Amino acid sequence: MKEILHLIGRDQPLFIEDTRKHDETMKRIVSSSSFLVIGGAGSIGQAVTKEIFERNPKKLHVVDISENNLVELVRDIRSSFGYIDGEFKTFALNIGSDIYDAFIDADGDYDYVLNLSALKHVRSEKDPYTLMQMIESNIFNTDKTLHQSINKGTKKYFCVSTDKAANPANLMGASKRIMEMFLMRRSKDIEISTARFANVAFSDGSLLHGFNQRIQKHQPIVAPNDIKRYFVTPKESGELCLMSCIFGENRDIFFPKLSEALHLISFADIAVKYLDNLGYEPHLCQSEDEARALAKTLVNHGKWPCLFSKSDTTGEKDFEEFFTDEEELDMTRFTNLGIIKNKPIYNDVLLNEFEETIRSFRRSGHWSKGQIVELFFRLIPDFDHKEMGKYLDEKM
């Protein structure tokens, strides 16, 4: 924890005052409740699962499609916390499948359902097929599990959103913004809360996680030097999600307050700190070819080849924000947590049109990225999408 904080330029956990103040209440509620964590083997899902587990829930079920990550989650929990009095089980299931539906029909008795499953990468918008899977994962599966929770009498449904849903500039962020609209529609039938937050430092698949992979494989470190982002630690992401789930009122969106404690830092700056922490000096390269060639020899001399350059790919937002000017805020309830207070505002006609059009595309087996982008613009008229003609997969 301290090492990650150092690498992202902080020396204190972000939510320490809020978690200390409300921990007894969280323990009391968690210990008397049952939980289902969907997508619980991803980085945020594991963090949330640990926050729940250490407060001794009556029942904790974790679902994820990644069998290997579930195995590691169980090993990690047993090695760190041991056991609870209640029931703890994991299930390697695809929530979009009829097998998952049978699982919910057979049990489905949960006080709280937390959905952490998502396609979270900007990379997911590069082709019409991965983009369609992103819509399925981020929007339709969310609505499906929401409907199941309503039918089963679940007390509260939590779903993680993203800072990229505020004035979205990429299709991933826009899909989460549309997901929030679907949440608003269901909020008439079940209490819902969510969270928007910054990048989770060293989460699976992230650029910072990629630094670890590159070091292990003796490959160059590559990062943009013109993009600054806010970062939270994995534990902070779990705390934020659980706080929103337990304390959020219907339609609340929790987010970290921007302050001196949570400041912008570039990926390149983190790379330099990361290498310094490992005892390496960064060696700046001018091209991918140079960086690849030097990786074979330079590391033996205490230096690491780095390629830092301007971002030129589709979907990168110039800056990060957690809320828009039009949203109503509560900045007084918590010390380091802000809350967006939402009314159930949505356009039912447009949501139904979006849903039916996507399903018609899938029935036909043919659709284009342009057709999907047009649908996104129908729901988000001020969607600031810029097609750069280049994607992250085309870079090292």
Protein backbone atom coordinates (compact mmCIF):
# COMPACT_ATOMS: atom_id res chain seq x y z
CA MET A 1 0.00 0.00 0.00
CA LYS A 2 2.74 2.49 0.99
CA GLU A 3 4.75 1.61 -2.12
CA ILE A 4 1.79 2.24 -4.43
CA LEU A 5 1.02 5.53 -2.66
CA HIS A 6 4.62 6.65 -3.19
CA LEU A 7 4.52 5.79 -6.88
CA ILE A 8 1.36 7.84 -7.45
CA GLY A 9 2.75 10.79 -5.49
CA ARG A 10 0.89 10.44 -2.18
CA ASP A 11 1.84 9.58 1.38
CA GLN A 12 -1.62 9.06 2.93
CA PRO A 13 -4.64 6.86 2.09
CA LEU A 14 -7.41 8.97 0.62
CA PHE A 15 -10.47 7.82 2.56
CA ILE A 16 -8.92 7.09 5.96
CA GLU A 17 -11.05 9.66 7.86
CA ASP A 18 -14.31 8.51 6.28
CA THR A 19 -13.65 4.78 6.77
CA ARG A 20 -12.62 5.27 10.42
CA LYS A 21 -15.66 7.39 11.18
CA HIS A 22 -18.14 4.98 9.58
CA ASP A 23 -16.41 1.62 10.09
CA GLU A 24 -18.53 0.48 13.05
CA THR A 25 -21.70 1.11 11.08
CA MET A 26 -20.28 -0.73 8.07
CA LYS A 27 -19.29 -3.70 10.26
CA ARG A 28 -22.76 -3.86 11.78
CA ILE A 29 -24.53 -3.73 8.41
CA VAL A 30 -22.14 -6.11 6.61
CA SER A 31 -22.15 -8.69 9.42
CA SER A 32 -25.95 -8.92 9.28
CA SER A 33 -26.27 -8.99 5.47
CA SER A 34 -25.74 -11.21 2.44
CA PHE A 35 -23.79 -10.13 -0.64
CA LEU A 36 -23.31 -11.09 -4.27
CA VAL A 37 -20.26 -9.60 -5.98
CA ILE A 38 -20.39 -9.87 -9.77
CA GLY A 39 -17.06 -9.51 -11.53
CA GLY A 40 -15.44 -10.12 -8.17
CA ALA A 41 -12.13 -11.48 -9.50
CA GLY A 42 -11.05 -8.33 -11.30
CA SER A 43 -8.86 -5.78 -9.55
CA ILE A 44 -11.72 -3.65 -8.21
CA GLY A 45 -13.91 -6.70 -7.60
CA GLN A 46 -11.21 -8.35 -5.48
CA ALA A 47 -10.72 -5.15 -3.50
CA VAL A 48 -14.47 -4.89 -2.81
CA THR A 49 -14.70 -8.57 -1.90
CA LYS A 50 -11.90 -8.18 0.65
CA GLU A 51 -13.57 -5.12 2.20
CA ILE A 52 -16.77 -7.12 2.65
CA PHE A 53 -15.04 -10.32 3.81
CA GLU A 54 -13.06 -8.70 6.61
CA ARG A 55 -16.32 -7.35 8.08
CA ASN A 56 -17.72 -10.89 8.49
CA PRO A 57 -20.83 -11.03 6.23
CA LYS A 58 -23.61 -13.60 6.71
CA LYS A 59 -23.16 -14.72 3.10
CA LEU A 60 -20.69 -13.69 0.43
CA HIS A 61 -20.91 -15.15 -3.08
CA VAL A 62 -18.47 -14.06 -5.77
CA VAL A 63 -19.08 -14.59 -9.49
CA ASP A 64 -16.53 -14.09 -12.25
CA ILE A 65 -15.78 -15.62 -15.63
CA SER A 66 -12.06 -15.94 -14.78
CA GLU A 67 -11.54 -19.23 -12.96
CA ASN A 68 -7.83 -18.57 -12.37
CA ASN A 69 -8.44 -15.15 -10.82
CA LEU A 70 -11.10 -16.62 -8.54
CA VAL A 71 -8.61 -19.24 -7.33
CA GLU A 72 -6.08 -16.52 -6.55
CA LEU A 73 -8.77 -14.45 -4.79
CA VAL A 74 -9.58 -17.36 -2.47
CA ARG A 75 -5.90 -18.04 -1.78
CA ASP A 76 -5.31 -14.35 -1.08
CA ILE A 77 -8.28 -14.09 1.29
CA ARG A 78 -7.42 -17.29 3.16
CA SER A 79 -3.80 -16.16 3.52
CA SER A 80 -4.71 -12.62 4.64
CA PHE A 81 -7.95 -12.92 6.63
CA GLY A 82 -8.64 -16.62 7.20
CA TYR A 83 -12.32 -17.49 7.55
CA ILE A 84 -15.69 -15.97 8.41
CA ASP A 85 -18.66 -17.32 10.36
CA GLY A 86 -20.90 -16.97 7.31
CA GLU A 87 -20.87 -18.64 3.90
CA PHE A 88 -18.16 -17.72 1.40
CA LYS A 89 -18.30 -19.26 -2.09
CA THR A 90 -17.01 -18.42 -5.55
CA PHE A 91 -18.55 -19.37 -8.90
CA ALA A 92 -16.83 -19.31 -12.30
CA LEU A 93 -19.82 -18.15 -14.35
CA ASN A 94 -20.58 -15.91 -17.31
CA ILE A 95 -23.34 -13.55 -16.15
CA GLY A 96 -24.69 -13.32 -19.69
CA SER A 97 -25.39 -17.06 -19.80
CA ASP A 98 -28.45 -19.16 -19.04
CA ILE A 99 -26.30 -21.10 -16.55
CA TYR A 100 -25.94 -17.91 -14.50
CA ASP A 101 -29.71 -17.42 -14.75
CA ALA A 102 -30.21 -20.91 -13.29
CA PHE A 103 -27.78 -20.03 -10.47
CA ILE A 104 -29.83 -16.92 -9.62
CA ASP A 105 -33.12 -18.83 -9.86
CA ALA A 106 -31.80 -21.48 -7.45
CA ASP A 107 -30.67 -18.94 -4.85
CA GLY A 108 -30.51 -15.23 -5.63
CA ASP A 109 -31.29 -14.33 -2.02
CA TYR A 110 -29.01 -11.34 -1.40
CA ASP A 111 -29.42 -8.10 0.49
CA TYR A 112 -26.80 -6.38 -1.66
CA VAL A 113 -25.74 -7.06 -5.23
CA LEU A 114 -22.53 -5.33 -6.37
CA ASN A 115 -21.73 -5.41 -10.08
CA LEU A 116 -18.05 -4.77 -10.86
CA SER A 117 -18.01 -6.51 -14.25
CA ALA A 118 -17.15 -4.36 -17.27
CA LEU A 119 -15.13 -3.94 -20.41
CA LYS A 120 -13.13 -0.98 -19.17
CA HIS A 121 -10.55 -0.34 -21.88
CA VAL A 122 -10.67 2.41 -24.47
CA ARG A 123 -9.18 -0.32 -26.69
CA SER A 124 -12.62 -1.97 -26.75
CA GLU A 125 -13.94 0.55 -29.28
CA LYS A 126 -11.44 -0.31 -32.00
CA ASP A 127 -13.73 -2.66 -33.97
CA PRO A 128 -17.51 -3.23 -34.22
CA TYR A 129 -17.38 -6.69 -32.58
CA THR A 130 -15.45 -5.80 -29.44
CA LEU A 131 -17.58 -2.65 -29.24
CA MET A 132 -20.74 -4.76 -29.32
CA GLN A 133 -19.33 -6.96 -26.54
CA MET A 134 -18.68 -3.78 -24.52
CA ILE A 135 -22.35 -2.80 -24.92
CA GLU A 136 -23.38 -6.30 -23.85
CA SER A 137 -21.11 -6.25 -20.77
CA ASN A 138 -21.50 -2.66 -19.64
CA ILE A 139 -25.16 -2.02 -20.45
CA PHE A 140 -27.26 -5.11 -21.18
CA ASN A 141 -25.75 -7.43 -18.55
CA THR A 142 -26.11 -4.64 -16.01
CA ASP A 143 -29.78 -4.22 -16.88
CA LYS A 144 -30.28 -7.98 -16.80
CA THR A 145 -28.75 -8.43 -13.33
CA LEU A 146 -30.70 -5.38 -12.14
CA HIS A 147 -33.96 -6.96 -13.30
CA GLN A 148 -33.04 -10.22 -11.56
CA SER A 149 -32.27 -8.33 -8.34
CA ILE A 150 -35.67 -6.62 -8.49
CA ASN A 151 -37.43 -9.95 -8.98
CA LYS A 152 -35.53 -11.48 -6.04
CA GLY A 153 -36.31 -8.62 -3.67
CA THR A 154 -32.70 -7.41 -3.30
CA LYS A 155 -32.42 -4.43 -0.93
CA LYS A 156 -29.71 -2.53 -2.84
CA TYR A 157 -27.92 -2.75 -6.19
CA PHE A 158 -24.51 -1.14 -6.67
CA CYS A 159 -22.79 -0.79 -10.03
CA VAL A 160 -19.42 0.79 -10.68
CA SER A 161 -19.27 3.52 -13.30
CA THR A 162 -16.24 5.59 -14.37
CA ASP A 163 -14.97 9.16 -14.37
CA LYS A 164 -15.02 8.81 -18.17
CA ALA A 165 -18.85 8.85 -18.05
CA ALA A 166 -18.76 12.56 -17.17
CA ASN A 167 -18.75 14.42 -20.50
CA PRO A 168 -17.54 11.25 -22.27
CA ALA A 169 -14.91 11.49 -25.00
CA ASN A 170 -14.67 7.79 -25.84
CA LEU A 171 -17.14 4.98 -26.48
CA MET A 172 -16.20 3.15 -23.28
CA GLY A 173 -17.09 6.21 -21.19
CA ALA A 174 -20.23 6.75 -23.27
CA SER A 175 -21.30 3.14 -22.68
CA LYS A 176 -21.04 3.74 -18.93
CA ARG A 177 -23.00 6.99 -19.26
CA ILE A 178 -25.75 5.07 -21.08
CA MET A 179 -25.54 2.39 -18.37
CA GLU A 180 -26.24 5.14 -15.81
CA MET A 181 -29.39 6.03 -17.79
CA PHE A 182 -30.55 2.41 -17.59
CA LEU A 183 -29.85 2.52 -13.84
CA MET A 184 -32.04 5.59 -13.48
CA ARG A 185 -34.88 3.79 -15.22
CA ARG A 186 -34.69 0.83 -12.83
CA SER A 187 -34.29 3.07 -9.75
CA LYS A 188 -38.08 3.28 -9.51
CA ASP A 189 -38.13 -0.40 -8.53
CA ILE A 190 -34.93 -0.87 -6.48
CA GLU A 191 -32.47 1.30 -4.58
CA ILE A 192 -29.36 1.91 -6.67
CA SER A 193 -26.05 3.62 -6.03
CA THR A 194 -22.85 3.80 -8.02
CA ALA A 195 -19.39 5.36 -8.08
CA ARG A 196 -17.21 7.24 -10.52
CA PHE A 197 -13.54 7.25 -9.73
CA ALA A 198 -10.08 7.60 -11.14
CA ASN A 199 -7.66 5.07 -12.55
CA VAL A 200 -6.90 2.21 -10.15
CA ALA A 201 -3.13 2.07 -9.82
CA PHE A 202 -1.61 -1.21 -11.08
CA SER A 203 -5.00 -2.81 -11.74
CA ASP A 204 -5.05 -5.76 -14.15
CA GLY A 205 -4.62 -4.65 -17.75
CA SER A 206 -3.74 -1.06 -16.86
CA LEU A 207 -0.67 0.69 -18.20
CA LEU A 208 0.89 0.64 -14.73
CA HIS A 209 0.25 -3.10 -14.45
CA GLY A 210 1.94 -3.32 -17.83
CA PHE A 211 5.08 -1.80 -16.28
CA ASN A 212 5.32 -4.92 -14.08
CA GLN A 213 4.94 -7.17 -17.11
CA ARG A 214 7.57 -5.29 -19.11
CA ILE A 215 10.09 -5.51 -16.27
CA GLN A 216 9.55 -9.26 -15.85
CA LYS A 217 10.03 -9.78 -19.61
CA HIS A 218 12.95 -7.34 -20.02
CA GLN A 219 10.99 -5.15 -22.42
CA PRO A 220 10.90 -1.34 -22.81
CA ILE A 221 8.67 0.89 -20.69
CA VAL A 222 6.32 2.96 -22.88
CA ALA A 223 4.07 5.75 -21.61
CA PRO A 224 2.46 9.02 -22.76
CA ASN A 225 4.13 12.12 -21.34
CA ASP A 226 1.29 14.56 -22.09
CA ILE A 227 -1.57 12.85 -20.24
CA LYS A 228 -2.11 13.34 -16.51
CA ARG A 229 -4.52 11.25 -14.52
CA TYR A 230 -5.86 10.83 -11.00
CA PHE A 231 -5.09 7.50 -9.33
CA VAL A 232 -6.54 5.56 -6.41
CA THR A 233 -5.09 2.41 -4.88
CA PRO A 234 -6.92 -0.94 -5.22
CA LYS A 235 -7.90 -0.80 -1.53
CA GLU A 236 -9.27 2.74 -1.97
CA SER A 237 -11.37 1.56 -4.91
CA GLY A 238 -12.85 -1.17 -2.70
CA GLU A 239 -13.55 1.29 0.13
CA LEU A 240 -15.24 3.74 -2.23
CA CYS A 241 -17.48 1.07 -3.74
CA LEU A 242 -18.53 -0.37 -0.38
CA MET A 243 -19.19 3.09 1.09
CA SER A 244 -21.42 3.92 -1.88
CA CYS A 245 -23.20 0.57 -1.63
CA ILE A 246 -23.87 0.84 2.11
CA PHE A 247 -24.43 4.58 2.57
CA GLY A 248 -25.58 5.78 -0.85
CA GLU A 249 -29.17 6.91 -1.17
CA ASN A 250 -31.17 5.96 -4.23
CA ARG A 251 -29.45 7.16 -7.45
CA ASP A 252 -26.40 8.57 -5.63
CA ILE A 253 -23.07 8.52 -7.44
CA PHE A 254 -20.03 8.67 -5.12
CA PHE A 255 -16.68 10.08 -6.24
CA PRO A 256 -13.35 11.12 -4.66
CA LYS A 257 -13.11 14.79 -3.83
CA LEU A 258 -10.38 16.56 -5.75
CA SER A 259 -7.87 18.00 -3.30
CA GLU A 260 -4.16 18.23 -2.64
CA ALA A 261 -4.35 14.60 -1.52
CA LEU A 262 -5.59 13.47 -4.94
CA HIS A 263 -3.57 15.21 -7.59
CA LEU A 264 -2.80 14.71 -11.25
CA ILE A 265 0.32 12.81 -12.23
CA SER A 266 1.50 11.71 -15.67
CA PHE A 267 2.10 8.10 -16.66
CA ALA A 268 5.67 9.02 -17.60
CA ASP A 269 6.32 10.46 -14.13
CA ILE A 270 5.02 7.28 -12.51
CA ALA A 271 7.27 5.22 -14.81
CA VAL A 272 10.32 7.19 -13.64
CA LYS A 273 9.34 6.71 -9.97
CA TYR A 274 8.67 3.03 -10.61
CA LEU A 275 12.07 2.43 -12.20
CA ASP A 276 13.84 4.41 -9.48
CA ASN A 277 12.10 2.25 -6.87
CA LEU A 278 13.59 -0.81 -8.60
CA GLY A 279 17.04 0.75 -8.81
CA TYR A 280 17.01 1.59 -12.53
CA GLU A 281 17.70 4.85 -14.30
CA PRO A 282 15.38 5.60 -17.25
CA HIS A 283 17.09 5.88 -20.64
CA LEU A 284 14.96 7.94 -23.02
CA CYS A 285 14.65 6.51 -26.53
CA GLN A 286 13.48 8.16 -29.75
CA SER A 287 11.76 5.20 -31.41
CA GLU A 288 10.25 1.78 -30.76
CA ASP A 289 13.07 0.09 -32.69
CA GLU A 290 15.70 1.77 -30.52
CA ALA A 291 13.85 0.86 -27.32
CA ARG A 292 13.46 -2.80 -28.33
CA ALA A 293 17.13 -3.08 -29.33
CA LEU A 294 18.44 -1.50 -26.11
CA ALA A 295 16.25 -3.72 -23.91
CA LYS A 296 18.59 -6.61 -24.72
CA THR A 297 21.69 -4.95 -23.27
CA LEU A 298 20.92 -1.76 -21.35
CA VAL A 299 19.27 -3.33 -18.31
CA ASN A 300 22.52 -5.05 -17.38
CA HIS A 301 24.00 -1.59 -16.78
CA GLY A 302 21.33 -0.35 -14.38
CA LYS A 303 19.36 1.54 -17.02
CA TRP A 304 15.98 0.83 -18.60
CA PRO A 305 14.89 1.86 -22.11
CA CYS A 306 11.85 4.16 -22.04
CA LEU A 307 9.77 5.63 -24.83
CA PHE A 308 7.76 8.64 -23.67
CA SER A 309 5.71 10.43 -26.30
CA LYS A 310 2.53 12.41 -26.94
CA SER A 311 -0.75 10.53 -27.11
CA ASP A 312 -2.19 10.26 -30.61
CA THR A 313 -4.80 7.51 -30.30
CA THR A 314 -8.60 7.54 -30.37
CA GLY A 315 -10.48 7.93 -27.11
CA GLU A 316 -7.97 9.72 -24.89
CA LYS A 317 -9.58 12.53 -22.92
CA ASP A 318 -7.51 15.66 -22.34
CA PHE A 319 -8.51 15.86 -18.67
CA GLU A 320 -10.44 13.93 -16.04
CA GLU A 321 -13.58 14.96 -14.20
CA PHE A 322 -16.01 13.18 -11.91
CA PHE A 323 -19.10 15.32 -12.45
CA THR A 324 -20.56 17.87 -14.85
CA ASP A 325 -21.73 21.44 -14.29
CA GLU A 326 -25.37 20.33 -14.56
CA GLU A 327 -25.20 17.74 -11.75
CA GLU A 328 -26.27 18.50 -8.18
CA LEU A 329 -23.57 17.79 -5.58
CA ASP A 330 -23.42 17.00 -1.87
CA MET A 331 -19.88 17.86 -0.73
CA THR A 332 -20.54 17.97 3.03
CA ARG A 333 -21.64 14.49 4.08
CA PHE A 334 -18.15 12.92 3.90
CA THR A 335 -14.63 14.28 4.30
CA ASN A 336 -13.08 12.96 1.10
CA LEU A 337 -16.11 11.65 -0.75
CA GLY A 338 -18.44 13.75 -2.87
CA ILE A 339 -21.91 12.66 -3.96
CA ILE A 340 -23.84 13.41 -7.15
CA LYS A 341 -27.55 13.59 -6.30
CA ASN A 342 -29.58 12.32 -9.23
CA LYS A 343 -33.25 12.56 -10.09
CA PRO A 344 -34.74 9.71 -12.19
CA ILE A 345 -34.30 11.60 -15.46
CA TYR A 346 -34.12 9.47 -18.61
CA ASN A 347 -35.77 9.22 -22.00
CA ASP A 348 -37.66 5.94 -22.04
CA VAL A 349 -38.36 6.16 -25.78
CA LEU A 350 -34.67 6.57 -26.64
CA LEU A 351 -33.58 3.80 -24.25
CA ASN A 352 -36.11 1.39 -25.79
CA GLU A 353 -34.99 2.44 -29.27
CA PHE A 354 -31.34 1.86 -28.35
CA GLU A 355 -32.11 -1.55 -26.88
CA GLU A 356 -34.21 -2.74 -29.82
CA THR A 357 -31.79 -1.44 -32.45
CA ILE A 358 -28.82 -3.18 -30.82
CA ARG A 359 -30.79 -6.42 -30.59
CA SER A 360 -31.83 -6.13 -34.24
CA PHE A 361 -28.17 -5.71 -35.24
CA ARG A 362 -27.29 -8.85 -33.36
CA ARG A 363 -30.17 -10.84 -34.82
CA SER A 364 -29.07 -9.86 -38.32
CA GLY A 365 -25.41 -10.64 -37.58
CA HIS A 366 -24.30 -7.43 -39.31
CA TRP A 367 -23.50 -3.96 -37.97
CA SER A 368 -20.85 -1.29 -38.33
CA LYS A 369 -19.03 0.83 -35.81
CA GLY A 370 -20.56 3.91 -37.44
CA GLN A 371 -24.08 2.62 -36.80
CA ILE A 372 -23.29 2.11 -33.11
CA VAL A 373 -21.62 5.52 -32.79
CA GLU A 374 -24.75 7.09 -34.30
CA LEU A 375 -26.88 5.37 -31.65
CA PHE A 376 -24.59 6.70 -28.92
CA PHE A 377 -25.03 10.23 -30.25
CA ARG A 378 -28.83 9.79 -30.12
CA LEU A 379 -28.64 9.23 -26.35
CA ILE A 380 -25.73 11.62 -25.71
CA PRO A 381 -26.07 14.54 -28.15
CA ASP A 382 -23.00 16.35 -26.76
CA PHE A 383 -20.82 13.22 -26.93
CA ASP A 384 -17.31 14.54 -27.63
CA HIS A 385 -16.02 11.58 -29.63
CA LYS A 386 -12.98 12.20 -31.83
CA GLU A 387 -11.88 9.52 -34.29
CA MET A 388 -8.07 9.77 -34.59
CA GLY A 389 -7.65 6.81 -36.95
CA LYS A 390 -5.18 5.13 -34.58
CA TYR A 391 -5.70 2.83 -31.61
CA LEU A 392 -3.59 1.65 -28.67
CA ASP A 393 -3.14 -1.80 -30.20
CA GLU A 394 -1.16 -0.16 -33.00
CA LYS A 395 1.46 1.03 -30.52
CA MET A 396 4.03 -0.78 -28.40
